Amino acid sequence: MLGIIRGLTDTFSMSEWNVVWLDNNGKYHKKYFYYKTEARFFYDLLPFYHKRLERVR
C-alpha cells in the first residue's frame, strides 16, 4: 500500500532531484534526475551507506 502511495506522489512531484553519495574511497558523487521516481530507483540501488536524496533548489 505504501509503495502505491509513494509512486503516486512521486509522479506528481515537479521538482528536480539529486542523489548524493560518499563512496568507499571518501569521494562525493552527485547525479541529477528530472523525475523523483528515477532518482528514488537509483538511490535504492546504491550499495553505499552514506547517501541522500535531495531536491534541487
N, C-alpha and C. Protein backbone atom coordinates (compact mmCIF):
# COMPACT_ATOMS: atom_id res chain seq x y z
N MET A 1 0.82 -1.20 0.00
CA MET A 1 0.00 0.00 0.00
C MET A 1 0.86 1.26 0.00
N LEU A 2 1.91 1.24 0.82
CA LEU A 2 2.79 2.40 0.90
C LEU A 2 3.50 2.64 -0.43
N GLY A 3 3.85 1.56 -1.13
CA GLY A 3 4.51 1.70 -2.43
C GLY A 3 3.63 2.37 -3.46
N ILE A 4 2.33 2.09 -3.42
CA ILE A 4 1.38 2.71 -4.35
C ILE A 4 1.28 4.20 -4.07
N ILE A 5 1.17 4.56 -2.80
CA ILE A 5 1.07 5.98 -2.43
C ILE A 5 2.35 6.71 -2.79
N ARG A 6 3.50 6.09 -2.53
CA ARG A 6 4.78 6.71 -2.86
C ARG A 6 4.91 6.91 -4.37
N GLY A 7 4.49 5.92 -5.15
CA GLY A 7 4.54 6.04 -6.60
C GLY A 7 3.68 7.16 -7.12
N LEU A 8 2.49 7.33 -6.55
CA LEU A 8 1.60 8.40 -6.98
C LEU A 8 2.15 9.77 -6.61
N THR A 9 2.66 9.92 -5.41
CA THR A 9 3.20 11.22 -5.00
C THR A 9 4.47 11.55 -5.77
N ASP A 10 5.29 10.56 -6.08
CA ASP A 10 6.50 10.80 -6.88
C ASP A 10 6.14 11.24 -8.28
N THR A 11 5.08 10.70 -8.84
CA THR A 11 4.66 11.03 -10.20
C THR A 11 4.30 12.50 -10.31
N PHE A 12 3.67 13.06 -9.28
CA PHE A 12 3.22 14.45 -9.34
C PHE A 12 4.23 15.44 -8.77
N SER A 13 5.40 14.98 -8.40
CA SER A 13 6.44 15.87 -7.91
C SER A 13 7.07 16.61 -9.09
N MET A 14 7.05 17.92 -9.05
CA MET A 14 7.50 18.73 -10.18
C MET A 14 8.90 19.31 -9.97
N SER A 15 9.66 18.77 -9.06
CA SER A 15 10.99 19.29 -8.77
C SER A 15 12.07 18.38 -9.35
N GLU A 16 13.25 18.95 -9.58
CA GLU A 16 14.40 18.16 -9.97
C GLU A 16 15.05 17.62 -8.70
N TRP A 17 15.79 16.50 -8.85
CA TRP A 17 16.35 15.82 -7.69
C TRP A 17 17.80 15.45 -7.93
N ASN A 18 18.58 15.47 -6.87
CA ASN A 18 19.96 15.00 -6.87
C ASN A 18 20.08 13.81 -5.93
N VAL A 19 20.88 12.85 -6.33
CA VAL A 19 21.28 11.78 -5.43
C VAL A 19 22.76 12.01 -5.14
N VAL A 20 23.09 12.14 -3.88
CA VAL A 20 24.46 12.41 -3.45
C VAL A 20 24.92 11.25 -2.58
N TRP A 21 26.14 10.77 -2.85
CA TRP A 21 26.65 9.66 -2.05
C TRP A 21 28.15 9.77 -1.88
N LEU A 22 28.63 9.11 -0.83
CA LEU A 22 30.05 9.04 -0.49
C LEU A 22 30.51 7.62 -0.75
N ASP A 23 31.51 7.45 -1.64
CA ASP A 23 31.96 6.09 -1.97
C ASP A 23 32.98 5.58 -0.95
N ASN A 24 33.47 4.39 -1.18
CA ASN A 24 34.40 3.75 -0.24
C ASN A 24 35.77 4.43 -0.19
N ASN A 25 36.09 5.24 -1.19
CA ASN A 25 37.37 5.95 -1.22
C ASN A 25 37.27 7.34 -0.60
N GLY A 26 36.10 7.71 -0.09
CA GLY A 26 35.92 9.02 0.54
C GLY A 26 35.60 10.13 -0.42
N LYS A 27 35.20 9.82 -1.65
CA LYS A 27 34.87 10.83 -2.64
C LYS A 27 33.35 10.98 -2.74
N TYR A 28 32.92 12.24 -2.84
CA TYR A 28 31.50 12.52 -3.02
C TYR A 28 31.14 12.50 -4.50
N HIS A 29 29.95 12.03 -4.79
CA HIS A 29 29.44 11.99 -6.15
C HIS A 29 28.01 12.52 -6.13
N LYS A 30 27.57 13.05 -7.28
CA LYS A 30 26.22 13.58 -7.38
C LYS A 30 25.68 13.25 -8.76
N LYS A 31 24.43 12.83 -8.81
CA LYS A 31 23.77 12.56 -10.08
C LYS A 31 22.42 13.26 -10.09
N TYR A 32 22.13 13.96 -11.18
CA TYR A 32 20.93 14.77 -11.33
C TYR A 32 19.82 13.96 -12.00
N PHE A 33 18.59 14.14 -11.53
CA PHE A 33 17.42 13.49 -12.12
C PHE A 33 16.30 14.50 -12.26
N TYR A 34 15.56 14.39 -13.34
CA TYR A 34 14.42 15.28 -13.54
C TYR A 34 13.19 14.76 -12.82
N TYR A 35 13.06 13.45 -12.71
CA TYR A 35 11.89 12.85 -12.06
C TYR A 35 12.29 12.17 -10.76
N LYS A 36 11.46 12.33 -9.75
CA LYS A 36 11.76 11.75 -8.45
C LYS A 36 11.72 10.23 -8.49
N THR A 37 10.87 9.65 -9.32
CA THR A 37 10.79 8.18 -9.40
C THR A 37 12.12 7.60 -9.88
N GLU A 38 12.74 8.24 -10.87
CA GLU A 38 14.04 7.77 -11.36
C GLU A 38 15.12 7.95 -10.29
N ALA A 39 15.07 9.08 -9.60
CA ALA A 39 16.06 9.34 -8.54
C ALA A 39 15.92 8.33 -7.41
N ARG A 40 14.69 8.02 -7.02
CA ARG A 40 14.47 7.07 -5.93
C ARG A 40 14.92 5.67 -6.33
N PHE A 41 14.68 5.29 -7.59
CA PHE A 41 15.10 3.98 -8.08
C PHE A 41 16.63 3.87 -8.02
N PHE A 42 17.33 4.90 -8.50
CA PHE A 42 18.79 4.92 -8.47
C PHE A 42 19.29 4.91 -7.02
N TYR A 43 18.67 5.70 -6.17
CA TYR A 43 19.04 5.77 -4.75
C TYR A 43 18.93 4.40 -4.09
N ASP A 44 17.85 3.70 -4.36
CA ASP A 44 17.64 2.38 -3.75
C ASP A 44 18.67 1.35 -4.22
N LEU A 45 19.22 1.51 -5.42
CA LEU A 45 20.20 0.57 -5.95
C LEU A 45 21.63 0.82 -5.46
N LEU A 46 21.88 2.02 -4.92
CA LEU A 46 23.24 2.34 -4.46
C LEU A 46 23.61 1.47 -3.26
N PRO A 47 24.79 0.85 -3.29
CA PRO A 47 25.19 -0.04 -2.20
C PRO A 47 25.83 0.70 -1.01
N PHE A 48 25.96 2.01 -1.10
CA PHE A 48 26.67 2.77 -0.07
C PHE A 48 25.75 3.18 1.07
N TYR A 49 26.34 3.29 2.26
CA TYR A 49 25.57 3.67 3.44
C TYR A 49 25.32 5.18 3.49
N HIS A 50 26.32 5.96 3.14
CA HIS A 50 26.21 7.42 3.18
C HIS A 50 25.69 7.92 1.84
N LYS A 51 24.39 8.15 1.79
CA LYS A 51 23.75 8.63 0.57
C LYS A 51 22.52 9.42 0.96
N ARG A 52 22.09 10.32 0.06
CA ARG A 52 20.87 11.07 0.34
C ARG A 52 20.21 11.49 -0.98
N LEU A 53 18.94 11.69 -0.88
CA LEU A 53 18.11 12.14 -1.99
C LEU A 53 17.67 13.55 -1.63
N GLU A 54 18.01 14.53 -2.48
CA GLU A 54 17.69 15.91 -2.14
C GLU A 54 17.06 16.64 -3.32
N ARG A 55 16.18 17.55 -3.01
CA ARG A 55 15.51 18.36 -4.04
C ARG A 55 16.45 19.47 -4.49
N VAL A 56 16.49 19.72 -5.79
CA VAL A 56 17.30 20.81 -6.34
C VAL A 56 16.55 22.11 -6.11
N ARG A 57 17.24 23.12 -5.65
CA ARG A 57 16.59 24.42 -5.39
C ARG A 57 16.64 25.30 -6.59
